[in-house]
C-alpha cells in the first residue's frame, strides 16, 4: 500500500514510538486477503495545547473500500481521542478528492474551513486548496 495510498514522506516506524500519536492498522488476518498486507491505516497526531487530534492519514486499500474498514478505523480513532479527553479531530483534504469529502461528511464530520496557501508543493490553482473537516467529540 505504501506509495499507492500512504504518504511516502511519513516515517511510520517513528510514529509507532510517538506517544502523542495514534497509529492503527486494519489487520488483513481477519479478512479473506491471503497476502497478509494491511487493509488500511489511520494515523492521528495529538496536539496537547488545544486538545485536538489531527487525522494525518486514513487510507484503505482500493480493493477493500466501501466495506466499512475506513468507518471502523475512524470510530476507533474517535474512541481513543475521547479517552484522551480531546475536544475534536481535524482532517484536511482537497476539494477534488470527492471520495474523501463524501466519506468525511457521511461519517459525521463538518466542514470547518479552508486554506488556499496550505500546499507548498502544488502549483497555484483554485483546485489545490486545503479544506478542513472537524469531528467534535
Protein backbone atom coordinates (compact mmCIF):
# COMPACT_ATOMS: atom_id res chain seq x y z
CA UNK A 1 0.00 0.00 0.00
CA UNK A 2 2.91 2.36 0.56
CA UNK A 3 3.12 4.63 -2.43
CA UNK A 4 -0.36 3.57 -3.54
CA UNK A 5 -2.27 5.24 -0.72
CA UNK A 6 0.07 6.20 2.08
CA UNK A 7 2.19 9.29 2.29
CA UNK A 8 5.66 8.14 1.44
CA UNK A 9 7.22 11.08 3.29
CA UNK A 10 5.96 9.95 6.71
CA UNK A 11 8.19 7.76 8.85
CA UNK A 12 5.66 5.20 10.09
CA UNK A 13 8.24 3.38 12.23
CA UNK A 14 8.86 6.67 14.07
CA UNK A 15 5.11 7.18 14.56
CA UNK A 16 4.85 3.83 16.35
CA UNK A 17 7.10 5.31 19.07
CA UNK A 18 5.32 8.68 19.22
CA UNK A 19 3.34 8.87 22.47
CA UNK A 20 1.32 11.76 21.04
CA UNK A 21 0.09 9.72 18.10
CA UNK A 22 -2.46 7.01 17.49
CA UNK A 23 -1.49 4.63 14.70
CA UNK A 24 -3.97 1.95 13.60
CA UNK A 25 -3.60 -0.84 11.09
CA UNK A 26 -6.65 -2.67 9.76
CA UNK A 27 -5.47 -6.26 10.04
CA UNK A 28 -5.90 -8.44 6.98
CA UNK A 29 -5.82 -11.63 9.07
CA UNK A 30 -9.49 -11.11 9.87
CA UNK A 31 -10.41 -10.86 6.19
CA UNK A 32 -10.14 -13.05 3.15
CA UNK A 33 -7.00 -11.26 1.95
CA UNK A 34 -4.38 -14.00 1.50
CA UNK A 35 -1.26 -11.84 1.10
CA UNK A 36 -1.21 -10.59 4.69
CA UNK A 37 -0.98 -6.92 3.68
CA UNK A 38 -3.00 -4.48 5.79
CA UNK A 39 -6.40 -3.37 4.61
CA UNK A 40 -5.80 0.18 5.78
CA UNK A 41 -4.09 2.55 8.17
CA UNK A 42 -5.04 5.56 10.23
CA UNK A 43 -2.70 8.00 11.95
CA UNK A 44 -3.73 10.76 14.34
CA UNK A 45 -1.35 13.21 15.95
CA UNK A 46 -2.39 14.73 19.26
CA UNK A 47 -1.92 18.44 19.79
CA UNK A 48 -1.92 18.92 23.55
CA UNK A 49 -2.18 22.71 23.73
CA UNK A 50 -5.62 22.77 22.14
CA UNK A 51 -6.68 19.20 22.93
CA UNK A 52 -7.17 18.37 19.26
CA UNK A 53 -6.35 15.33 17.18
CA UNK A 54 -5.11 15.84 13.65
CA UNK A 55 -6.03 12.92 11.42
CA UNK A 56 -2.87 12.89 9.32
CA UNK A 57 -3.76 9.73 7.45
CA UNK A 58 -6.66 7.43 6.83
CA UNK A 59 -6.29 5.10 3.88
CA UNK A 60 -7.95 1.88 2.80
CA UNK A 61 -6.67 -0.47 0.12
CA UNK A 62 -8.64 0.13 -3.08
CA UNK A 63 -9.98 -3.43 -3.19
CA UNK A 64 -11.47 -3.05 0.30
CA UNK A 65 -13.04 0.40 0.10
CA UNK A 66 -16.74 0.91 0.82
CA UNK A 67 -16.77 -2.18 3.04
CA UNK A 68 -16.64 -0.42 6.41
CA UNK A 69 -12.88 -0.57 7.00
CA UNK A 70 -12.45 3.22 7.00
CA UNK A 71 -15.52 3.73 9.16
CA UNK A 72 -14.26 1.22 11.73
CA UNK A 73 -10.86 2.90 11.85
CA UNK A 74 -12.43 6.35 12.23
CA UNK A 75 -14.69 5.05 15.00
CA UNK A 76 -11.67 3.65 16.83
CA UNK A 77 -9.67 6.86 16.34
CA UNK A 78 -12.61 8.82 17.81
CA UNK A 79 -12.87 6.40 20.75
CA UNK A 80 -9.19 6.84 21.54
CA UNK A 81 -9.44 10.61 21.13
CA UNK A 82 -12.30 10.71 23.63
CA UNK A 83 -10.27 8.56 26.03
CA UNK A 84 -7.53 11.20 25.84
CA UNK A 85 -10.15 13.88 26.52
CA UNK A 86 -9.62 15.58 23.18
CA UNK A 87 -12.27 18.06 22.11
CA UNK A 88 -12.15 17.48 18.34
CA UNK A 89 -10.48 15.70 15.46
CA UNK A 90 -9.45 17.77 12.45
CA UNK A 91 -8.71 16.38 8.99
CA UNK A 92 -7.65 18.05 5.76
CA UNK A 93 -8.15 17.08 2.14
CA UNK A 94 -8.57 18.70 -1.27
CA UNK A 95 -11.93 19.61 -2.80
CA UNK A 96 -11.31 17.38 -5.80
CA UNK A 97 -10.89 14.34 -3.53
CA UNK A 98 -14.59 13.61 -3.83
CA UNK A 99 -14.44 10.19 -2.20
CA UNK A 100 -12.66 11.62 0.86
CA UNK A 101 -15.08 14.54 1.15
CA UNK A 102 -18.06 12.19 0.88
CA UNK A 103 -16.54 9.84 3.47
CA UNK A 104 -15.94 12.62 5.99
CA UNK A 105 -19.41 14.10 5.58
CA UNK A 106 -21.06 10.67 5.74
CA UNK A 107 -19.04 9.94 8.90
CA UNK A 108 -20.44 12.98 10.70
CA UNK A 109 -17.58 15.43 10.24
CA UNK A 110 -18.47 19.00 9.37
CA UNK A 111 -16.73 21.43 7.05
CA UNK A 112 -14.84 23.93 9.20
CA UNK A 113 -12.62 25.93 6.87
CA UNK A 114 -10.10 26.14 4.08
CA UNK A 115 -6.58 27.38 3.41
CA UNK A 116 -5.59 28.48 -0.09
CA UNK A 117 -1.88 28.65 0.85
CA UNK A 118 -1.58 25.26 2.57
CA UNK A 119 0.14 23.19 -0.11
CA UNK A 120 3.62 24.44 -0.92
CA UNK A 121 4.37 21.60 -3.33
CA UNK A 122 1.43 22.27 -5.67
CA UNK A 123 1.19 24.79 -8.48
CA UNK A 124 -1.11 27.72 -7.77
CA UNK A 125 -4.54 26.55 -8.70
CA UNK A 126 -8.01 27.05 -7.25
CA UNK A 127 -8.26 23.26 -7.09
CA UNK A 128 -5.20 22.90 -4.84
CA UNK A 129 -6.63 24.39 -1.68
CA UNK A 130 -6.93 22.50 1.58
CA UNK A 131 -10.38 22.06 3.05
CA UNK A 132 -10.78 21.09 6.68
CA UNK A 133 -13.37 18.97 8.45
CA UNK A 134 -13.94 18.54 12.17
CA UNK A 135 -15.42 15.82 14.30
CA UNK A 136 -16.50 17.36 17.59
CA UNK A 137 -16.09 14.89 20.43
